[in-house]
Each structure stands twice: as C-alpha cells, then as structure tokens.
Amino acid sequence: MRDSLDPTASEIEATAAEEGKTRKRPRPGERRLQILQVLAEMLQNPKGERVTTAALAAKIQVSEAALYRHFASKAQMFEGLISFIEQTVFGLINQINQKEESGLAQARGILQMLLFFAEKNPGMTRVLLGDALLQEDDRLQERITQVLDRVEASLKQALRIAQTQGGTWANVSQDEVSIRAAMLMSYVLGRWHRFARSGFKKLPTEASDISLRILLSE
C-alpha cells in the first residue's frame, strides 16, 4: 500500500500550480503600475466612453476594493497618468534642448515630440485634451492646463533663443514670439483633437514636416 504521506502526481502538479500562482502575485508597486496601464488602454476606446472603476476592476480581474488599496480615489489614478505625462514630456523636452543649439530646431523637436507622443499613446491624448477628465474632479482639468501652459512656455523659450541667433527671427518682437508660441500650441491641440475625433485613425504626424516648416518660417 502507498504511504499516505507520499504525494500523487496530481497532488504535485496542484502544489506546483499553487506555487506558480504565489510567484505571479504582483510585487509592491507593480499592481499600481498595472492599474495605470490598463486605465490608459481603456481610454483608447474610440467611442470615448467614460471609464468606471467597476469596469477597470473587471478588466484587471480584481475587486474595486483592491483598486482603492493602491489609489485613494479615481482622481488619484488620473493624477498618476498626468504625472506620467508630465515626467515623460518634460524629460524629452530637456533632452531636445540639450541636443539642439538652434532655437528653431528646439521648437521643431518639441512639436514633433508632442505629435509623436500622442500618436503612440492614444489614451494619454484624451487626458491631454481633457476629454477623459469630464465629470471627474475639477482639479484634474486645472492640472492638465498647467502642463499645457508649461509646454507653451517651453516653445516660447525656444523661439526667444531663435531671436538671439540672428537671421530673420532677430526682427521678431517679443509680443510676436508669444503669439507664435500660442499659435504653435494651437496647432498641436488641433492635431490631437483631429486624432481623437477620427477614432485615432488620422495620425497627428501626418504631413507634419510640411506643416512645421510653414509654421516656423518667417
């Protein structure tokens, strides 16, 4: 007779499976990152439907209570996405400014980066436009507005550098620099809106080289 302490093959497999499940449990911080990634993916829905915590929890296959163990509120989840956008965008702007000495090259690089970022991150585009923040905490709209204002300030700074580097831009007034920076930001926002309205089919970078050459010409 088999010793009762001797496990069968099925018991070994069950134990191994259970150990595998244990090993697959997210490490500290991984679940938080997963929640933000899935939220961003759900925001890519071309219909632009509002994401609920119930739908988000179901997508991740956890309870809503599990979501709130990592985020105090849904607003805090969106703040996490905005923080990601902010860190990524301004990190890239710093890289562009360090690489390019020409003010116009900096402005062109920033604009191309903004279009490419939206193209690669459709869900984040809805956050940048504020569409995904409707019916959410008002401070989220304020936060994203501050991010966009900082981006416009970066464009303005690049154009001011272009002013000091001679050529036709040396004759551009400070007021015109501000107007041009606002115009460039409007171009980016327009491209983002077009991308979102098309169900993410009309790419922001489409014919962007020609557009930017016209916009940055004197």
C-alpha atoms as a PDB file:
ATOM      1  CA  MET A   1       0.000   0.000   0.000  1.00  0.00           C
ATOM      2  CA  ARG A   2       1.238   3.516  -0.870  1.00  0.00           C
ATOM      3  CA  ASP A   3       2.393   5.561   2.099  1.00  0.00           C
ATOM      4  CA  SER A   4      -0.268   8.192   2.754  1.00  0.00           C
ATOM      5  CA  LEU A   5       2.436  10.866   3.001  1.00  0.00           C
ATOM      6  CA  ASP A   6       3.683  10.098  -0.496  1.00  0.00           C
ATOM      7  CA  PRO A   7       2.022  12.644  -2.820  1.00  0.00           C
ATOM      8  CA  THR A   8       0.470  11.553  -6.082  1.00  0.00           C
ATOM      9  CA  ALA A   9       1.425  13.156  -9.415  1.00  0.00           C
ATOM     10  CA  SER A  10      -1.801  15.144  -9.421  1.00  0.00           C
ATOM     11  CA  GLU A  11      -1.072  16.464  -5.952  1.00  0.00           C
ATOM     12  CA  ILE A  12       2.428  17.511  -7.022  1.00  0.00           C
ATOM     13  CA  GLU A  13       1.003  19.321 -10.052  1.00  0.00           C
ATOM     14  CA  ALA A  14      -1.586  21.058  -7.885  1.00  0.00           C
ATOM     15  CA  THR A  15       1.104  22.154  -5.440  1.00  0.00           C
ATOM     16  CA  ALA A  16       3.323  23.428  -8.274  1.00  0.00           C
ATOM     17  CA  ALA A  17       0.399  25.310  -9.774  1.00  0.00           C
ATOM     18  CA  GLU A  18      -0.365  26.903  -6.431  1.00  0.00           C
ATOM     19  CA  GLU A  19       3.269  27.908  -6.004  1.00  0.00           C
ATOM     20  CA  GLY A  20       3.201  29.370  -9.501  1.00  0.00           C
ATOM     21  CA  LYS A  21       0.201  31.463  -8.565  1.00  0.00           C
ATOM     22  CA  THR A  22       2.011  32.684  -5.487  1.00  0.00           C
ATOM     23  CA  ARG A  23       5.074  33.660  -7.513  1.00  0.00           C
ATOM     24  CA  LYS A  24       2.902  35.567 -10.017  1.00  0.00           C
ATOM     25  CA  ARG A  25       1.471  37.867  -7.387  1.00  0.00           C
ATOM     26  CA  PRO A  26       2.482  41.447  -8.288  1.00  0.00           C
ATOM     27  CA  ARG A  27       5.364  42.893  -6.348  1.00  0.00           C
ATOM     28  CA  PRO A  28       4.861  46.145  -4.415  1.00  0.00           C
ATOM     29  CA  GLY A  29       4.243  48.913  -6.947  1.00  0.00           C
ATOM     30  CA  GLU A  30       3.589  46.549  -9.853  1.00  0.00           C
ATOM     31  CA  ARG A  31      -0.166  46.433  -9.276  1.00  0.00           C
ATOM     32  CA  ARG A  32      -0.274  50.232  -9.106  1.00  0.00           C
ATOM     33  CA  LEU A  33       1.546  50.446 -12.433  1.00  0.00           C
ATOM     34  CA  GLN A  34      -0.741  47.804 -13.924  1.00  0.00           C
ATOM     35  CA  ILE A  35      -3.819  49.802 -12.895  1.00  0.00           C
ATOM     36  CA  LEU A  36      -2.476  52.908 -14.657  1.00  0.00           C
ATOM     37  CA  GLN A  37      -1.524  50.940 -17.775  1.00  0.00           C
ATOM     38  CA  VAL A  38      -4.958  49.326 -18.051  1.00  0.00           C
ATOM     39  CA  LEU A  39      -6.675  52.680 -17.414  1.00  0.00           C
ATOM     40  CA  ALA A  40      -4.649  54.218 -20.267  1.00  0.00           C
ATOM     41  CA  GLU A  41      -5.578  51.283 -22.529  1.00  0.00           C
ATOM     42  CA  MET A  42      -9.281  51.652 -21.732  1.00  0.00           C
ATOM     43  CA  LEU A  43      -9.100  55.357 -22.591  1.00  0.00           C
ATOM     44  CA  GLN A  44      -8.119  54.328 -26.122  1.00  0.00           C
ATOM     45  CA  ASN A  45     -11.729  53.326 -26.790  1.00  0.00           C
ATOM     46  CA  PRO A  46     -12.631  55.247 -29.993  1.00  0.00           C
ATOM     47  CA  LYS A  47     -16.140  55.849 -28.615  1.00  0.00           C
ATOM     48  CA  GLY A  48     -14.638  57.910 -25.812  1.00  0.00           C
ATOM     49  CA  GLU A  49     -16.814  56.306 -23.159  1.00  0.00           C
ATOM     50  CA  ARG A  50     -16.228  57.198 -19.501  1.00  0.00           C
ATOM     51  CA  VAL A  51     -14.136  54.614 -17.665  1.00  0.00           C
ATOM     52  CA  THR A  52     -15.698  53.473 -14.391  1.00  0.00           C
ATOM     53  CA  THR A  53     -13.814  51.870 -11.524  1.00  0.00           C
ATOM     54  CA  ALA A  54     -16.100  48.828 -11.853  1.00  0.00           C
ATOM     55  CA  ALA A  55     -15.077  48.352 -15.500  1.00  0.00           C
ATOM     56  CA  LEU A  56     -11.436  48.980 -14.651  1.00  0.00           C
ATOM     57  CA  ALA A  57     -11.501  46.407 -11.832  1.00  0.00           C
ATOM     58  CA  ALA A  58     -13.202  43.860 -14.101  1.00  0.00           C
ATOM     59  CA  LYS A  59     -10.571  44.397 -16.795  1.00  0.00           C
ATOM     60  CA  ILE A  60      -7.751  43.755 -14.314  1.00  0.00           C
ATOM     61  CA  GLN A  61      -9.747  40.929 -12.715  1.00  0.00           C
ATOM     62  CA  VAL A  62      -9.633  42.359  -9.203  1.00  0.00           C
ATOM     63  CA  SER A  63     -12.277  43.849  -6.929  1.00  0.00           C
ATOM     64  CA  GLU A  64     -12.951  47.592  -6.755  1.00  0.00           C
ATOM     65  CA  ALA A  65     -11.749  47.426  -3.161  1.00  0.00           C
ATOM     66  CA  ALA A  66      -8.387  46.176  -4.477  1.00  0.00           C
ATOM     67  CA  LEU A  67      -8.094  49.293  -6.650  1.00  0.00           C
ATOM     68  CA  TYR A  68      -8.591  51.516  -3.631  1.00  0.00           C
ATOM     69  CA  ARG A  69      -5.818  49.753  -1.768  1.00  0.00           C
ATOM     70  CA  HIS A  70      -3.446  51.349  -4.270  1.00  0.00           C
ATOM     71  CA  PHE A  71      -5.245  54.636  -5.002  1.00  0.00           C
ATOM     72  CA  ALA A  72      -7.320  56.628  -2.544  1.00  0.00           C
ATOM     73  CA  SER A  73      -9.701  57.718  -5.314  1.00  0.00           C
ATOM     74  CA  LYS A  74     -10.306  57.576  -9.048  1.00  0.00           C
ATOM     75  CA  ALA A  75      -8.990  61.132  -9.261  1.00  0.00           C
ATOM     76  CA  GLN A  76      -5.684  59.895  -7.851  1.00  0.00           C
ATOM     77  CA  MET A  77      -5.492  57.339 -10.667  1.00  0.00           C
ATOM     78  CA  PHE A  78      -5.818  60.120 -13.226  1.00  0.00           C
ATOM     79  CA  GLU A  79      -3.259  62.153 -11.318  1.00  0.00           C
ATOM     80  CA  GLY A  80      -0.924  59.192 -11.773  1.00  0.00           C
ATOM     81  CA  LEU A  81      -1.458  59.350 -15.550  1.00  0.00           C
ATOM     82  CA  ILE A  82      -0.904  63.116 -15.594  1.00  0.00           C
ATOM     83  CA  SER A  83       2.314  62.687 -13.594  1.00  0.00           C
ATOM     84  CA  PHE A  84       3.498  60.138 -16.163  1.00  0.00           C
ATOM     85  CA  ILE A  85       2.696  62.545 -18.999  1.00  0.00           C
ATOM     86  CA  GLU A  86       4.427  65.419 -17.229  1.00  0.00           C
ATOM     87  CA  GLN A  87       7.596  63.477 -16.430  1.00  0.00           C
ATOM     88  CA  THR A  88       7.828  61.980 -19.916  1.00  0.00           C
ATOM     89  CA  VAL A  89       7.096  65.138 -21.903  1.00  0.00           C
ATOM     90  CA  PHE A  90       9.356  67.471 -19.946  1.00  0.00           C
ATOM     91  CA  GLY A  91      12.086  64.852 -19.757  1.00  0.00           C
ATOM     92  CA  LEU A  92      12.019  64.693 -23.566  1.00  0.00           C
ATOM     93  CA  ILE A  93      11.929  68.491 -23.853  1.00  0.00           C
ATOM     94  CA  ASN A  94      15.072  68.690 -21.724  1.00  0.00           C
ATOM     95  CA  GLN A  95      16.773  66.125 -23.958  1.00  0.00           C
ATOM     96  CA  ILE A  96      15.823  68.081 -27.079  1.00  0.00           C
ATOM     97  CA  ASN A  97      17.102  71.357 -25.631  1.00  0.00           C
ATOM     98  CA  GLN A  98      20.396  69.754 -24.629  1.00  0.00           C
ATOM     99  CA  LYS A  99      20.865  68.214 -28.061  1.00  0.00           C
ATOM    100  CA  GLU A 100      19.883  71.217 -30.200  1.00  0.00           C
ATOM    101  CA  GLU A 101      21.607  74.605 -30.011  1.00  0.00           C
ATOM    102  CA  SER A 102      19.323  76.230 -32.562  1.00  0.00           C
ATOM    103  CA  GLY A 103      16.157  77.709 -31.072  1.00  0.00           C
ATOM    104  CA  LEU A 104      14.152  76.782 -34.169  1.00  0.00           C
ATOM    105  CA  ALA A 105      15.474  73.225 -34.026  1.00  0.00           C
ATOM    106  CA  GLN A 106      14.394  73.050 -30.375  1.00  0.00           C
ATOM    107  CA  ALA A 107      10.894  74.289 -31.235  1.00  0.00           C
ATOM    108  CA  ARG A 108      10.603  71.856 -34.149  1.00  0.00           C
ATOM    109  CA  GLY A 109      11.826  68.976 -31.990  1.00  0.00           C
ATOM    110  CA  ILE A 110       9.347  69.785 -29.224  1.00  0.00           C
ATOM    111  CA  LEU A 111       6.456  69.972 -31.681  1.00  0.00           C
ATOM    112  CA  GLN A 112       7.389  66.695 -33.368  1.00  0.00           C
ATOM    113  CA  MET A 113       7.726  65.013 -29.981  1.00  0.00           C
ATOM    114  CA  LEU A 114       4.270  66.194 -28.872  1.00  0.00           C
ATOM    115  CA  LEU A 115       2.669  64.821 -32.041  1.00  0.00           C
ATOM    116  CA  PHE A 116       4.546  61.522 -31.800  1.00  0.00           C
ATOM    117  CA  PHE A 117       3.771  61.115 -28.087  1.00  0.00           C
ATOM    118  CA  ALA A 118       0.044  61.438 -28.759  1.00  0.00           C
ATOM    119  CA  GLU A 119       0.235  59.047 -31.705  1.00  0.00           C
ATOM    120  CA  LYS A 120       1.891  56.363 -29.583  1.00  0.00           C
ATOM    121  CA  ASN A 121      -0.335  56.998 -26.538  1.00  0.00           C
ATOM    122  CA  PRO A 122      -3.964  57.493 -27.704  1.00  0.00           C
ATOM    123  CA  GLY A 123      -5.346  57.115 -24.182  1.00  0.00           C
ATOM    124  CA  MET A 124      -2.982  59.795 -22.894  1.00  0.00           C
ATOM    125  CA  THR A 125      -4.157  62.062 -25.723  1.00  0.00           C
ATOM    126  CA  ARG A 126      -7.659  62.041 -24.260  1.00  0.00           C
ATOM    127  CA  VAL A 127      -6.181  63.054 -20.911  1.00  0.00           C
ATOM    128  CA  LEU A 128      -4.170  65.879 -22.516  1.00  0.00           C
ATOM    129  CA  LEU A 129      -7.302  67.140 -24.273  1.00  0.00           C
ATOM    130  CA  GLY A 130      -9.329  66.908 -21.071  1.00  0.00           C
ATOM    131  CA  ASP A 131     -11.924  64.631 -22.703  1.00  0.00           C
ATOM    132  CA  ALA A 132     -11.169  61.822 -20.286  1.00  0.00           C
ATOM    133  CA  LEU A 133     -11.411  64.213 -17.336  1.00  0.00           C
ATOM    134  CA  LEU A 134     -15.004  65.314 -17.907  1.00  0.00           C
ATOM    135  CA  GLN A 135     -17.224  64.522 -14.900  1.00  0.00           C
ATOM    136  CA  GLU A 136     -14.081  63.948 -12.850  1.00  0.00           C
ATOM    137  CA  ASP A 137     -12.536  66.122 -10.120  1.00  0.00           C
ATOM    138  CA  ASP A 138     -12.109  69.748 -11.283  1.00  0.00           C
ATOM    139  CA  ARG A 139      -8.519  69.855 -10.066  1.00  0.00           C
ATOM    140  CA  LEU A 140      -7.565  67.357 -12.792  1.00  0.00           C
ATOM    141  CA  GLN A 141      -8.551  69.847 -15.502  1.00  0.00           C
ATOM    142  CA  GLU A 142      -6.540  72.512 -13.700  1.00  0.00           C
ATOM    143  CA  ARG A 143      -3.536  70.210 -13.503  1.00  0.00           C
ATOM    144  CA  ILE A 144      -3.560  69.345 -17.213  1.00  0.00           C
ATOM    145  CA  THR A 145      -3.999  73.036 -18.086  1.00  0.00           C
ATOM    146  CA  GLN A 146      -0.853  73.779 -16.079  1.00  0.00           C
ATOM    147  CA  VAL A 147       1.030  71.085 -18.004  1.00  0.00           C
ATOM    148  CA  LEU A 148      -0.031  72.563 -21.356  1.00  0.00           C
ATOM    149  CA  ASP A 149       0.889  76.078 -20.190  1.00  0.00           C
ATOM    150  CA  ARG A 150       4.370  74.811 -19.311  1.00  0.00           C
ATOM    151  CA  VAL A 151       4.709  73.229 -22.753  1.00  0.00           C
ATOM    152  CA  GLU A 152       3.743  76.531 -24.397  1.00  0.00           C
ATOM    153  CA  ALA A 153       6.307  78.307 -22.204  1.00  0.00           C
ATOM    154  CA  SER A 154       8.951  75.856 -23.467  1.00  0.00           C
ATOM    155  CA  LEU A 155       8.030  76.686 -27.065  1.00  0.00           C
ATOM    156  CA  LYS A 156       8.202  80.395 -26.270  1.00  0.00           C
ATOM    157  CA  GLN A 157      11.659  79.967 -24.748  1.00  0.00           C
ATOM    158  CA  ALA A 158      12.881  78.144 -27.869  1.00  0.00           C
ATOM    159  CA  LEU A 159      11.611  80.976 -30.089  1.00  0.00           C
ATOM    160  CA  ARG A 160      13.306  83.547 -27.860  1.00  0.00           C
ATOM    161  CA  ILE A 161      16.572  81.688 -28.339  1.00  0.00           C
ATOM    162  CA  ALA A 162      15.958  81.825 -32.107  1.00  0.00           C
ATOM    163  CA  GLN A 163      15.609  85.611 -31.742  1.00  0.00           C
ATOM    164  CA  THR A 164      19.127  85.878 -30.368  1.00  0.00           C
ATOM    165  CA  GLN A 165      20.675  83.745 -33.102  1.00  0.00           C
ATOM    166  CA  GLY A 166      20.331  86.227 -35.940  1.00  0.00           C
ATOM    167  CA  GLY A 167      18.607  85.771 -39.265  1.00  0.00           C
ATOM    168  CA  THR A 168      15.037  86.857 -39.904  1.00  0.00           C
ATOM    169  CA  TRP A 169      13.950  85.857 -36.397  1.00  0.00           C
ATOM    170  CA  ALA A 170      16.115  88.632 -34.937  1.00  0.00           C
ATOM    171  CA  ASN A 171      13.489  91.114 -36.159  1.00  0.00           C
ATOM    172  CA  VAL A 172      10.569  89.362 -34.456  1.00  0.00           C
ATOM    173  CA  SER A 173       9.174  91.274 -31.463  1.00  0.00           C
ATOM    174  CA  GLN A 174       8.592  89.770 -28.012  1.00  0.00           C
ATOM    175  CA  ASP A 175       4.840  90.109 -28.459  1.00  0.00           C
ATOM    176  CA  GLU A 176       5.025  88.220 -31.742  1.00  0.00           C
ATOM    177  CA  VAL A 177       7.084  85.479 -30.104  1.00  0.00           C
ATOM    178  CA  SER A 178       4.273  84.967 -27.563  1.00  0.00           C
ATOM    179  CA  ILE A 179       1.660  84.943 -30.325  1.00  0.00           C
ATOM    180  CA  ARG A 180       3.643  82.449 -32.369  1.00  0.00           C
ATOM    181  CA  ALA A 181       4.143  80.144 -29.384  1.00  0.00           C
ATOM    182  CA  ALA A 182       0.386  80.182 -28.744  1.00  0.00           C
ATOM    183  CA  MET A 183      -0.243  79.503 -32.438  1.00  0.00           C
ATOM    184  CA  LEU A 184       2.123  76.505 -32.391  1.00  0.00           C
ATOM    185  CA  MET A 185       0.377  75.140 -29.310  1.00  0.00           C
ATOM    186  CA  SER A 186      -2.979  75.562 -31.041  1.00  0.00           C
ATOM    187  CA  TYR A 187      -1.632  73.566 -33.984  1.00  0.00           C
ATOM    188  CA  VAL A 188      -0.651  70.704 -31.663  1.00  0.00           C
ATOM    189  CA  LEU A 189      -4.011  70.749 -29.880  1.00  0.00           C
ATOM    190  CA  GLY A 190      -5.777  70.759 -33.240  1.00  0.00           C
ATOM    191  CA  ARG A 191      -3.834  67.710 -34.359  1.00  0.00           C
ATOM    192  CA  TRP A 192      -4.637  65.933 -31.106  1.00  0.00           C
ATOM    193  CA  HIS A 193      -8.369  66.744 -31.444  1.00  0.00           C
ATOM    194  CA  ARG A 194      -8.378  65.519 -35.047  1.00  0.00           C
ATOM    195  CA  PHE A 195      -6.698  62.287 -33.941  1.00  0.00           C
ATOM    196  CA  ALA A 196      -9.260  61.690 -31.161  1.00  0.00           C
ATOM    197  CA  ARG A 197     -12.290  62.640 -33.284  1.00  0.00           C
ATOM    198  CA  SER A 198     -11.242  60.210 -36.026  1.00  0.00           C
ATOM    199  CA  GLY A 199     -11.222  57.329 -33.568  1.00  0.00           C
ATOM    200  CA  PHE A 200      -7.404  57.535 -33.559  1.00  0.00           C
ATOM    201  CA  LYS A 201      -7.194  56.906 -37.317  1.00  0.00           C
ATOM    202  CA  LYS A 202      -5.925  60.290 -38.587  1.00  0.00           C
ATOM    203  CA  LEU A 203      -2.398  60.367 -37.226  1.00  0.00           C
ATOM    204  CA  PRO A 204      -1.046  63.577 -35.665  1.00  0.00           C
ATOM    205  CA  THR A 205       2.269  63.205 -37.507  1.00  0.00           C
ATOM    206  CA  GLU A 206       0.619  63.050 -40.947  1.00  0.00           C
ATOM    207  CA  ALA A 207       2.360  65.627 -43.194  1.00  0.00           C
ATOM    208  CA  SER A 208       3.758  67.249 -40.062  1.00  0.00           C
ATOM    209  CA  ASP A 209       7.131  68.049 -41.659  1.00  0.00           C
ATOM    210  CA  ILE A 210       5.482  70.350 -44.205  1.00  0.00           C
ATOM    211  CA  SER A 211       3.190  71.911 -41.595  1.00  0.00           C
ATOM    212  CA  LEU A 212       6.053  72.668 -39.204  1.00  0.00           C
ATOM    213  CA  ARG A 213       8.203  74.113 -41.976  1.00  0.00           C
ATOM    214  CA  ILE A 214       5.407  76.571 -42.778  1.00  0.00           C
ATOM    215  CA  LEU A 215       4.647  77.383 -39.129  1.00  0.00           C
ATOM    216  CA  LEU A 216       8.272  78.017 -38.214  1.00  0.00           C
ATOM    217  CA  SER A 217       9.106  80.060 -41.304  1.00  0.00           C
ATOM    218  CA  GLU A 218       9.466  83.809 -41.064  1.00  0.00           C
END
